[in-house]
mmCIF file of all heavy atoms, coordinates in Angstrom:
data_MODEL
# 
_entry.id   MODEL 
# 
loop_
_atom_site.group_PDB 
_atom_site.id 
_atom_site.type_symbol 
_atom_site.label_atom_id 
_atom_site.label_alt_id 
_atom_site.label_comp_id 
_atom_site.label_asym_id 
_atom_site.label_entity_id 
_atom_site.label_seq_id 
_atom_site.pdbx_PDB_ins_code 
_atom_site.Cartn_x 
_atom_site.Cartn_y 
_atom_site.Cartn_z 
_atom_site.occupancy 
_atom_site.B_iso_or_equiv 
_atom_site.pdbx_formal_charge 
_atom_site.auth_seq_id 
_atom_site.auth_comp_id 
_atom_site.auth_asym_id 
_atom_site.auth_atom_id 
_atom_site.pdbx_PDB_model_num 
ATOM 1   N N   . GLY A 1 1  ? -2.812  -2.645  30.217 1.00 0.00 ? 1  GLY A N   1 
ATOM 2   C CA  . GLY A 1 1  ? -2.888  -3.835  29.353 1.00 0.00 ? 1  GLY A CA  1 
ATOM 3   C C   . GLY A 1 1  ? -4.060  -3.904  28.404 1.00 0.00 ? 1  GLY A C   1 
ATOM 4   O O   . GLY A 1 1  ? -4.854  -4.808  28.411 1.00 0.00 ? 1  GLY A O   1 
ATOM 5   N N   . ALA A 1 2  ? -4.247  -2.779  27.744 1.00 0.00 ? 2  ALA A N   1 
ATOM 6   C CA  . ALA A 1 2  ? -5.458  -2.664  26.827 1.00 0.00 ? 2  ALA A CA  1 
ATOM 7   C C   . ALA A 1 2  ? -5.555  -3.705  25.727 1.00 0.00 ? 2  ALA A C   1 
ATOM 8   O O   . ALA A 1 2  ? -6.687  -4.170  25.536 1.00 0.00 ? 2  ALA A O   1 
ATOM 9   C CB  . ALA A 1 2  ? -5.402  -1.232  26.228 1.00 0.00 ? 2  ALA A CB  1 
ATOM 10  N N   . VAL A 1 3  ? -4.470  -4.057  25.039 1.00 0.00 ? 3  VAL A N   1 
ATOM 11  C CA  . VAL A 1 3  ? -4.567  -5.085  23.992 1.00 0.00 ? 3  VAL A CA  1 
ATOM 12  C C   . VAL A 1 3  ? -4.973  -6.400  24.628 1.00 0.00 ? 3  VAL A C   1 
ATOM 13  O O   . VAL A 1 3  ? -5.826  -7.090  23.955 1.00 0.00 ? 3  VAL A O   1 
ATOM 14  C CB  . VAL A 1 3  ? -3.228  -5.081  23.241 1.00 0.00 ? 3  VAL A CB  1 
ATOM 15  C CG1 . VAL A 1 3  ? -3.184  -6.235  22.279 1.00 0.00 ? 3  VAL A CG1 1 
ATOM 16  C CG2 . VAL A 1 3  ? -2.901  -3.737  22.555 1.00 0.00 ? 3  VAL A CG2 1 
ATOM 17  N N   . ASN A 1 4  ? -4.373  -6.834  25.631 1.00 0.00 ? 4  ASN A N   1 
ATOM 18  C CA  . ASN A 1 4  ? -4.784  -8.074  26.223 1.00 0.00 ? 4  ASN A CA  1 
ATOM 19  C C   . ASN A 1 4  ? -6.247  -8.009  26.785 1.00 0.00 ? 4  ASN A C   1 
ATOM 20  O O   . ASN A 1 4  ? -6.864  -9.018  26.642 1.00 0.00 ? 4  ASN A O   1 
ATOM 21  C CB  . ASN A 1 4  ? -3.837  -8.503  27.419 1.00 0.00 ? 4  ASN A CB  1 
ATOM 22  C CG  . ASN A 1 4  ? -2.651  -9.291  26.859 1.00 0.00 ? 4  ASN A CG  1 
ATOM 23  O OD1 . ASN A 1 4  ? -2.496  -9.627  25.639 1.00 0.00 ? 4  ASN A OD1 1 
ATOM 24  N ND2 . ASN A 1 4  ? -1.681  -9.545  27.701 1.00 0.00 ? 4  ASN A ND2 1 
ATOM 25  N N   . ALA A 1 5  ? -6.668  -6.852  27.265 1.00 0.00 ? 5  ALA A N   1 
ATOM 26  C CA  . ALA A 1 5  ? -8.135  -6.835  27.618 1.00 0.00 ? 5  ALA A CA  1 
ATOM 27  C C   . ALA A 1 5  ? -8.993  -7.007  26.469 1.00 0.00 ? 5  ALA A C   1 
ATOM 28  O O   . ALA A 1 5  ? -10.034 -7.715  26.535 1.00 0.00 ? 5  ALA A O   1 
ATOM 29  C CB  . ALA A 1 5  ? -8.338  -5.462  28.294 1.00 0.00 ? 5  ALA A CB  1 
ATOM 30  N N   . ALA A 1 6  ? -8.619  -6.436  25.352 1.00 0.00 ? 6  ALA A N   1 
ATOM 31  C CA  . ALA A 1 6  ? -9.452  -6.519  24.114 1.00 0.00 ? 6  ALA A CA  1 
ATOM 32  C C   . ALA A 1 6  ? -9.434  -8.039  23.628 1.00 0.00 ? 6  ALA A C   1 
ATOM 33  O O   . ALA A 1 6  ? -10.466 -8.661  23.397 1.00 0.00 ? 6  ALA A O   1 
ATOM 34  C CB  . ALA A 1 6  ? -8.989  -5.609  23.004 1.00 0.00 ? 6  ALA A CB  1 
ATOM 35  N N   . LEU A 1 7  ? -8.306  -8.629  23.634 1.00 0.00 ? 7  LEU A N   1 
ATOM 36  C CA  . LEU A 1 7  ? -8.147  -10.039 23.179 1.00 0.00 ? 7  LEU A CA  1 
ATOM 37  C C   . LEU A 1 7  ? -8.897  -10.949 24.127 1.00 0.00 ? 7  LEU A C   1 
ATOM 38  O O   . LEU A 1 7  ? -9.604  -11.889 23.667 1.00 0.00 ? 7  LEU A O   1 
ATOM 39  C CB  . LEU A 1 7  ? -6.707  -10.377 23.046 1.00 0.00 ? 7  LEU A CB  1 
ATOM 40  C CG  . LEU A 1 7  ? -5.899  -9.732  21.897 1.00 0.00 ? 7  LEU A CG  1 
ATOM 41  C CD1 . LEU A 1 7  ? -4.402  -10.106 21.941 1.00 0.00 ? 7  LEU A CD1 1 
ATOM 42  C CD2 . LEU A 1 7  ? -6.476  -9.992  20.535 1.00 0.00 ? 7  LEU A CD2 1 
ATOM 43  N N   . LEU A 1 8  ? -8.816  -10.696 25.450 1.00 0.00 ? 8  LEU A N   1 
ATOM 44  C CA  . LEU A 1 8  ? -9.489  -11.577 26.430 1.00 0.00 ? 8  LEU A CA  1 
ATOM 45  C C   . LEU A 1 8  ? -11.031 -11.401 26.246 1.00 0.00 ? 8  LEU A C   1 
ATOM 46  O O   . LEU A 1 8  ? -11.717 -12.328 26.373 1.00 0.00 ? 8  LEU A O   1 
ATOM 47  C CB  . LEU A 1 8  ? -9.112  -11.131 27.891 1.00 0.00 ? 8  LEU A CB  1 
ATOM 48  C CG  . LEU A 1 8  ? -9.779  -11.904 28.972 1.00 0.00 ? 8  LEU A CG  1 
ATOM 49  C CD1 . LEU A 1 8  ? -9.573  -13.480 28.847 1.00 0.00 ? 8  LEU A CD1 1 
ATOM 50  C CD2 . LEU A 1 8  ? -9.262  -11.522 30.344 1.00 0.00 ? 8  LEU A CD2 1 
ATOM 51  N N   . SER A 1 9  ? -11.380 -10.205 26.007 1.00 0.00 ? 9  SER A N   1 
ATOM 52  C CA  . SER A 1 9  ? -12.944 -9.963  25.801 1.00 0.00 ? 9  SER A CA  1 
ATOM 53  C C   . SER A 1 9  ? -13.430 -10.768 24.539 1.00 0.00 ? 9  SER A C   1 
ATOM 54  O O   . SER A 1 9  ? -14.485 -11.383 24.554 1.00 0.00 ? 9  SER A O   1 
ATOM 55  C CB  . SER A 1 9  ? -13.263 -8.521  25.605 1.00 0.00 ? 9  SER A CB  1 
ATOM 56  O OG  . SER A 1 9  ? -12.680 -7.987  24.391 1.00 0.00 ? 9  SER A OG  1 
ATOM 57  N N   . VAL A 1 10 ? -12.595 -10.776 23.470 1.00 0.00 ? 10 VAL A N   1 
ATOM 58  C CA  . VAL A 1 10 ? -12.996 -11.587 22.259 1.00 0.00 ? 10 VAL A CA  1 
ATOM 59  C C   . VAL A 1 10 ? -12.945 -13.141 22.585 1.00 0.00 ? 10 VAL A C   1 
ATOM 60  O O   . VAL A 1 10 ? -13.739 -13.925 22.155 1.00 0.00 ? 10 VAL A O   1 
ATOM 61  C CB  . VAL A 1 10 ? -12.090 -11.294 21.073 1.00 0.00 ? 10 VAL A CB  1 
ATOM 62  C CG1 . VAL A 1 10 ? -12.461 -12.114 19.893 1.00 0.00 ? 10 VAL A CG1 1 
ATOM 63  C CG2 . VAL A 1 10 ? -12.235 -9.793  20.763 1.00 0.00 ? 10 VAL A CG2 1 
ATOM 64  N N   . GLN A 1 11 ? -11.876 -13.529 23.330 1.00 0.00 ? 11 GLN A N   1 
ATOM 65  C CA  . GLN A 1 11 ? -11.861 -14.928 23.782 1.00 0.00 ? 11 GLN A CA  1 
ATOM 66  C C   . GLN A 1 11 ? -13.146 -15.309 24.509 1.00 0.00 ? 11 GLN A C   1 
ATOM 67  O O   . GLN A 1 11 ? -13.708 -16.469 24.390 1.00 0.00 ? 11 GLN A O   1 
ATOM 68  C CB  . GLN A 1 11 ? -10.696 -15.262 24.622 1.00 0.00 ? 11 GLN A CB  1 
ATOM 69  C CG  . GLN A 1 11 ? -9.430  -15.248 23.821 1.00 0.00 ? 11 GLN A CG  1 
ATOM 70  C CD  . GLN A 1 11 ? -8.155  -15.575 24.696 1.00 0.00 ? 11 GLN A CD  1 
ATOM 71  O OE1 . GLN A 1 11 ? -7.957  -14.801 25.694 1.00 0.00 ? 11 GLN A OE1 1 
ATOM 72  N NE2 . GLN A 1 11 ? -7.395  -16.506 24.397 1.00 0.00 ? 11 GLN A NE2 1 
ATOM 73  N N   . MET A 1 12 ? -13.724 -14.404 25.389 1.00 0.00 ? 12 MET A N   1 
ATOM 74  C CA  . MET A 1 12 ? -14.887 -14.656 26.142 1.00 0.00 ? 12 MET A CA  1 
ATOM 75  C C   . MET A 1 12 ? -16.096 -14.912 25.247 1.00 0.00 ? 12 MET A C   1 
ATOM 76  O O   . MET A 1 12 ? -16.884 -15.750 25.407 1.00 0.00 ? 12 MET A O   1 
ATOM 77  C CB  . MET A 1 12 ? -15.131 -13.567 27.207 1.00 0.00 ? 12 MET A CB  1 
ATOM 78  C CG  . MET A 1 12 ? -14.156 -13.578 28.278 1.00 0.00 ? 12 MET A CG  1 
ATOM 79  S SD  . MET A 1 12 ? -14.436 -12.167 29.362 1.00 0.00 ? 12 MET A SD  1 
ATOM 80  C CE  . MET A 1 12 ? -13.232 -12.517 30.716 1.00 0.00 ? 12 MET A CE  1 
ATOM 81  N N   . LEU A 1 13 ? -16.133 -14.028 24.275 1.00 0.00 ? 13 LEU A N   1 
ATOM 82  C CA  . LEU A 1 13 ? -17.238 -14.202 23.254 1.00 0.00 ? 13 LEU A CA  1 
ATOM 83  C C   . LEU A 1 13 ? -16.995 -15.455 22.460 1.00 0.00 ? 13 LEU A C   1 
ATOM 84  O O   . LEU A 1 13 ? -18.023 -16.075 22.017 1.00 0.00 ? 13 LEU A O   1 
ATOM 85  C CB  . LEU A 1 13 ? -17.140 -12.972 22.249 1.00 0.00 ? 13 LEU A CB  1 
ATOM 86  C CG  . LEU A 1 13 ? -17.566 -11.565 22.798 1.00 0.00 ? 13 LEU A CG  1 
ATOM 87  C CD1 . LEU A 1 13 ? -17.486 -10.472 21.679 1.00 0.00 ? 13 LEU A CD1 1 
ATOM 88  C CD2 . LEU A 1 13 ? -18.901 -11.556 23.579 1.00 0.00 ? 13 LEU A CD2 1 
ATOM 89  N N   . ALA A 1 14 ? -15.768 -15.821 22.239 1.00 0.00 ? 14 ALA A N   1 
ATOM 90  C CA  . ALA A 1 14 ? -15.553 -16.991 21.336 1.00 0.00 ? 14 ALA A CA  1 
ATOM 91  C C   . ALA A 1 14 ? -15.902 -18.210 22.033 1.00 0.00 ? 14 ALA A C   1 
ATOM 92  O O   . ALA A 1 14 ? -15.979 -19.269 21.331 1.00 0.00 ? 14 ALA A O   1 
ATOM 93  C CB  . ALA A 1 14 ? -14.048 -16.965 20.999 1.00 0.00 ? 14 ALA A CB  1 
ATOM 94  N N   . ILE A 1 15 ? -16.255 -18.316 23.259 1.00 0.00 ? 15 ILE A N   1 
ATOM 95  C CA  . ILE A 1 15 ? -16.716 -19.513 23.915 1.00 0.00 ? 15 ILE A CA  1 
ATOM 96  C C   . ILE A 1 15 ? -17.928 -20.098 23.146 1.00 0.00 ? 15 ILE A C   1 
ATOM 97  O O   . ILE A 1 15 ? -18.041 -21.233 22.982 1.00 0.00 ? 15 ILE A O   1 
ATOM 98  C CB  . ILE A 1 15 ? -17.073 -19.290 25.359 1.00 0.00 ? 15 ILE A CB  1 
ATOM 99  C CG1 . ILE A 1 15 ? -15.682 -18.966 26.184 1.00 0.00 ? 15 ILE A CG1 1 
ATOM 100 C CG2 . ILE A 1 15 ? -17.766 -20.487 25.994 1.00 0.00 ? 15 ILE A CG2 1 
ATOM 101 C CD1 . ILE A 1 15 ? -15.949 -18.459 27.586 1.00 0.00 ? 15 ILE A CD1 1 
ATOM 102 N N   . GLU A 1 16 ? -18.867 -19.184 22.811 1.00 0.00 ? 16 GLU A N   1 
ATOM 103 C CA  . GLU A 1 16 ? -20.004 -19.514 22.000 1.00 0.00 ? 16 GLU A CA  1 
ATOM 104 C C   . GLU A 1 16 ? -20.178 -18.939 20.578 1.00 0.00 ? 16 GLU A C   1 
ATOM 105 O O   . GLU A 1 16 ? -21.243 -19.077 20.014 1.00 0.00 ? 16 GLU A O   1 
ATOM 106 C CB  . GLU A 1 16 ? -21.280 -19.152 22.909 1.00 0.00 ? 16 GLU A CB  1 
ATOM 107 C CG  . GLU A 1 16 ? -21.302 -20.099 24.106 1.00 0.00 ? 16 GLU A CG  1 
ATOM 108 C CD  . GLU A 1 16 ? -22.619 -19.870 24.891 1.00 0.00 ? 16 GLU A CD  1 
ATOM 109 O OE1 . GLU A 1 16 ? -23.626 -19.203 24.320 1.00 0.00 ? 16 GLU A OE1 1 
ATOM 110 O OE2 . GLU A 1 16 ? -22.664 -20.316 26.045 1.00 0.00 ? 16 GLU A OE2 1 
ATOM 111 N N   . ASP A 1 17 ? -19.237 -18.243 20.192 1.00 0.00 ? 17 ASP A N   1 
ATOM 112 C CA  . ASP A 1 17 ? -19.291 -17.546 18.840 1.00 0.00 ? 17 ASP A CA  1 
ATOM 113 C C   . ASP A 1 17 ? -18.169 -17.967 18.065 1.00 0.00 ? 17 ASP A C   1 
ATOM 114 O O   . ASP A 1 17 ? -17.018 -17.502 18.208 1.00 0.00 ? 17 ASP A O   1 
ATOM 115 C CB  . ASP A 1 17 ? -19.282 -15.989 19.243 1.00 0.00 ? 17 ASP A CB  1 
ATOM 116 C CG  . ASP A 1 17 ? -19.510 -15.184 17.925 1.00 0.00 ? 17 ASP A CG  1 
ATOM 117 O OD1 . ASP A 1 17 ? -19.001 -15.529 16.816 1.00 0.00 ? 17 ASP A OD1 1 
ATOM 118 O OD2 . ASP A 1 17 ? -20.178 -14.137 18.100 1.00 0.00 ? 17 ASP A OD2 1 
ATOM 119 N N   . GLU A 1 18 ? -18.490 -18.726 17.051 1.00 0.00 ? 18 GLU A N   1 
ATOM 120 C CA  . GLU A 1 18 ? -17.416 -19.306 16.039 1.00 0.00 ? 18 GLU A CA  1 
ATOM 121 C C   . GLU A 1 18 ? -16.788 -18.177 15.290 1.00 0.00 ? 18 GLU A C   1 
ATOM 122 O O   . GLU A 1 18 ? -15.582 -18.359 14.896 1.00 0.00 ? 18 GLU A O   1 
ATOM 123 C CB  . GLU A 1 18 ? -18.036 -20.409 15.135 1.00 0.00 ? 18 GLU A CB  1 
ATOM 124 C CG  . GLU A 1 18 ? -18.443 -21.575 15.908 1.00 0.00 ? 18 GLU A CG  1 
ATOM 125 C CD  . GLU A 1 18 ? -17.336 -22.342 16.505 1.00 0.00 ? 18 GLU A CD  1 
ATOM 126 O OE1 . GLU A 1 18 ? -16.165 -22.275 15.890 1.00 0.00 ? 18 GLU A OE1 1 
ATOM 127 O OE2 . GLU A 1 18 ? -17.415 -22.836 17.677 1.00 0.00 ? 18 GLU A OE2 1 
ATOM 128 N N   . GLU A 1 19 ? -17.603 -17.170 14.964 1.00 0.00 ? 19 GLU A N   1 
ATOM 129 C CA  . GLU A 1 19 ? -16.983 -16.057 14.227 1.00 0.00 ? 19 GLU A CA  1 
ATOM 130 C C   . GLU A 1 19 ? -15.859 -15.400 15.090 1.00 0.00 ? 19 GLU A C   1 
ATOM 131 O O   . GLU A 1 19 ? -14.799 -14.983 14.532 1.00 0.00 ? 19 GLU A O   1 
ATOM 132 C CB  . GLU A 1 19 ? -17.997 -15.065 13.824 1.00 0.00 ? 19 GLU A CB  1 
ATOM 133 C CG  . GLU A 1 19 ? -17.451 -13.808 13.055 1.00 0.00 ? 19 GLU A CG  1 
ATOM 134 C CD  . GLU A 1 19 ? -18.547 -12.833 12.736 1.00 0.00 ? 19 GLU A CD  1 
ATOM 135 O OE1 . GLU A 1 19 ? -19.770 -12.998 13.072 1.00 0.00 ? 19 GLU A OE1 1 
ATOM 136 O OE2 . GLU A 1 19 ? -18.206 -11.797 12.155 1.00 0.00 ? 19 GLU A OE2 1 
ATOM 137 N N   . ALA A 1 20 ? -16.066 -15.139 16.339 1.00 0.00 ? 20 ALA A N   1 
ATOM 138 C CA  . ALA A 1 20 ? -15.079 -14.565 17.265 1.00 0.00 ? 20 ALA A CA  1 
ATOM 139 C C   . ALA A 1 20 ? -13.882 -15.543 17.385 1.00 0.00 ? 20 ALA A C   1 
ATOM 140 O O   . ALA A 1 20 ? -12.724 -15.068 17.285 1.00 0.00 ? 20 ALA A O   1 
ATOM 141 C CB  . ALA A 1 20 ? -15.667 -14.319 18.608 1.00 0.00 ? 20 ALA A CB  1 
ATOM 142 N N   . ALA A 1 21 ? -14.183 -16.836 17.386 1.00 0.00 ? 21 ALA A N   1 
ATOM 143 C CA  . ALA A 1 21 ? -13.084 -17.809 17.491 1.00 0.00 ? 21 ALA A CA  1 
ATOM 144 C C   . ALA A 1 21 ? -12.150 -17.775 16.184 1.00 0.00 ? 21 ALA A C   1 
ATOM 145 O O   . ALA A 1 21 ? -10.960 -17.859 16.324 1.00 0.00 ? 21 ALA A O   1 
ATOM 146 C CB  . ALA A 1 21 ? -13.665 -19.147 17.736 1.00 0.00 ? 21 ALA A CB  1 
ATOM 147 N N   . ALA A 1 22 ? -12.861 -17.610 15.031 1.00 0.00 ? 22 ALA A N   1 
ATOM 148 C CA  . ALA A 1 22 ? -12.099 -17.604 13.818 1.00 0.00 ? 22 ALA A CA  1 
ATOM 149 C C   . ALA A 1 22 ? -11.222 -16.317 13.786 1.00 0.00 ? 22 ALA A C   1 
ATOM 150 O O   . ALA A 1 22 ? -10.170 -16.324 13.270 1.00 0.00 ? 22 ALA A O   1 
ATOM 151 C CB  . ALA A 1 22 ? -13.038 -17.655 12.726 1.00 0.00 ? 22 ALA A CB  1 
ATOM 152 N N   . LYS A 1 23 ? -11.789 -15.234 14.324 1.00 0.00 ? 23 LYS A N   1 
ATOM 153 C CA  . LYS A 1 23 ? -10.991 -13.992 14.184 1.00 0.00 ? 23 LYS A CA  1 
ATOM 154 C C   . LYS A 1 23 ? -9.744  -14.081 15.151 1.00 0.00 ? 23 LYS A C   1 
ATOM 155 O O   . LYS A 1 23 ? -8.735  -13.538 14.876 1.00 0.00 ? 23 LYS A O   1 
ATOM 156 C CB  . LYS A 1 23 ? -11.941 -12.784 14.643 1.00 0.00 ? 23 LYS A CB  1 
ATOM 157 C CG  . LYS A 1 23 ? -12.922 -12.475 13.566 1.00 0.00 ? 23 LYS A CG  1 
ATOM 158 C CD  . LYS A 1 23 ? -13.862 -11.397 14.030 1.00 0.00 ? 23 LYS A CD  1 
ATOM 159 C CE  . LYS A 1 23 ? -14.979 -11.219 12.914 1.00 0.00 ? 23 LYS A CE  1 
ATOM 160 N NZ  . LYS A 1 23 ? -15.224 -9.804  12.518 1.00 0.00 ? 23 LYS A NZ  1 
ATOM 161 N N   . LEU A 1 24 ? -9.926  -14.682 16.200 1.00 0.00 ? 24 LEU A N   1 
ATOM 162 C CA  . LEU A 1 24 ? -8.752  -14.968 17.193 1.00 0.00 ? 24 LEU A CA  1 
ATOM 163 C C   . LEU A 1 24 ? -7.701  -15.732 16.525 1.00 0.00 ? 24 LEU A C   1 
ATOM 164 O O   . LEU A 1 24 ? -6.578  -15.550 16.591 1.00 0.00 ? 24 LEU A O   1 
ATOM 165 C CB  . LEU A 1 24 ? -9.274  -15.584 18.492 1.00 0.00 ? 24 LEU A CB  1 
ATOM 166 C CG  . LEU A 1 24 ? -9.854  -14.618 19.548 1.00 0.00 ? 24 LEU A CG  1 
ATOM 167 C CD1 . LEU A 1 24 ? -10.565 -15.471 20.663 1.00 0.00 ? 24 LEU A CD1 1 
ATOM 168 C CD2 . LEU A 1 24 ? -8.873  -13.649 20.058 1.00 0.00 ? 24 LEU A CD2 1 
ATOM 169 N N   . ALA A 1 25 ? -8.170  -16.922 15.986 1.00 0.00 ? 25 ALA A N   1 
ATOM 170 C CA  . ALA A 1 25 ? -7.190  -17.807 15.268 1.00 0.00 ? 25 ALA A CA  1 
ATOM 171 C C   . ALA A 1 25 ? -6.386  -17.042 14.210 1.00 0.00 ? 25 ALA A C   1 
ATOM 172 O O   . ALA A 1 25 ? -5.270  -17.194 14.049 1.00 0.00 ? 25 ALA A O   1 
ATOM 173 C CB  . ALA A 1 25 ? -7.928  -19.004 14.676 1.00 0.00 ? 25 ALA A CB  1 
ATOM 174 N N   . LYS A 1 26 ? -7.171  -16.280 13.422 1.00 0.00 ? 26 LYS A N   1 
ATOM 175 C CA  . LYS A 1 26 ? -6.508  -15.510 12.322 1.00 0.00 ? 26 LYS A CA  1 
ATOM 176 C C   . LYS A 1 26 ? -5.542  -14.599 12.897 1.00 0.00 ? 26 LYS A C   1 
ATOM 177 O O   . LYS A 1 26 ? -4.346  -14.319 12.418 1.00 0.00 ? 26 LYS A O   1 
ATOM 178 C CB  . LYS A 1 26 ? -7.562  -14.793 11.494 1.00 0.00 ? 26 LYS A CB  1 
ATOM 179 C CG  . LYS A 1 26 ? -6.973  -13.933 10.397 1.00 0.00 ? 26 LYS A CG  1 
ATOM 180 C CD  . LYS A 1 26 ? -8.070  -13.170 9.584  1.00 0.00 ? 26 LYS A CD  1 
ATOM 181 C CE  . LYS A 1 26 ? -7.432  -12.366 8.428  1.00 0.00 ? 26 LYS A CE  1 
ATOM 182 N NZ  . LYS A 1 26 ? -7.925  -11.106 8.263  1.00 0.00 ? 26 LYS A NZ  1 
ATOM 183 N N   . LYS A 1 27 ? -5.831  -13.758 13.995 1.00 0.00 ? 27 LYS A N   1 
ATOM 184 C CA  . LYS A 1 27 ? -4.919  -12.799 14.576 1.00 0.00 ? 27 LYS A CA  1 
ATOM 185 C C   . LYS A 1 27 ? -3.683  -13.490 15.224 1.00 0.00 ? 27 LYS A C   1 
ATOM 186 O O   . LYS A 1 27 ? -2.583  -13.096 14.950 1.00 0.00 ? 27 LYS A O   1 
ATOM 187 C CB  . LYS A 1 27 ? -5.629  -12.083 15.786 1.00 0.00 ? 27 LYS A CB  1 
ATOM 188 C CG  . LYS A 1 27 ? -4.740  -11.199 16.643 1.00 0.00 ? 27 LYS A CG  1 
ATOM 189 C CD  . LYS A 1 27 ? -5.128  -9.776  16.594 1.00 0.00 ? 27 LYS A CD  1 
ATOM 190 C CE  . LYS A 1 27 ? -4.239  -8.970  17.616 1.00 0.00 ? 27 LYS A CE  1 
ATOM 191 N NZ  . LYS A 1 27 ? -2.865  -8.712  16.971 1.00 0.00 ? 27 LYS A NZ  1 
ATOM 192 N N   . ARG A 1 28 ? -3.921  -14.765 15.843 1.00 0.00 ? 28 ARG A N   1 
ATOM 193 C CA  . ARG A 1 28 ? -2.779  -15.455 16.353 1.00 0.00 ? 28 ARG A CA  1 
ATOM 194 C C   . ARG A 1 28 ? -1.806  -15.899 15.265 1.00 0.00 ? 28 ARG A C   1 
ATOM 195 O O   . ARG A 1 28 ? -0.631  -15.831 15.301 1.00 0.00 ? 28 ARG A O   1 
ATOM 196 C CB  . ARG A 1 28 ? -3.243  -16.670 17.099 1.00 0.00 ? 28 ARG A CB  1 
ATOM 197 C CG  . ARG A 1 28 ? -3.940  -16.237 18.437 1.00 0.00 ? 28 ARG A CG  1 
ATOM 198 C CD  . ARG A 1 28 ? -3.110  -16.764 19.696 1.00 0.00 ? 28 ARG A CD  1 
ATOM 199 N NE  . ARG A 1 28 ? -3.791  -16.267 20.831 1.00 0.00 ? 28 ARG A NE  1 
ATOM 200 C CZ  . ARG A 1 28 ? -4.082  -17.146 21.778 1.00 0.00 ? 28 ARG A CZ  1 
ATOM 201 N NH1 . ARG A 1 28 ? -3.833  -18.376 21.756 1.00 0.00 ? 28 ARG A NH1 1 
ATOM 202 N NH2 . ARG A 1 28 ? -4.607  -16.603 22.933 1.00 0.00 ? 28 ARG A NH2 1 
# 
């Protein structure tokens, strides 16, 4: 499950990082 591991890691960073949160929103 490499892709989900990568996305989960970015979600963890996004807790306090707005740039990471924006990247996740764009990907979704």
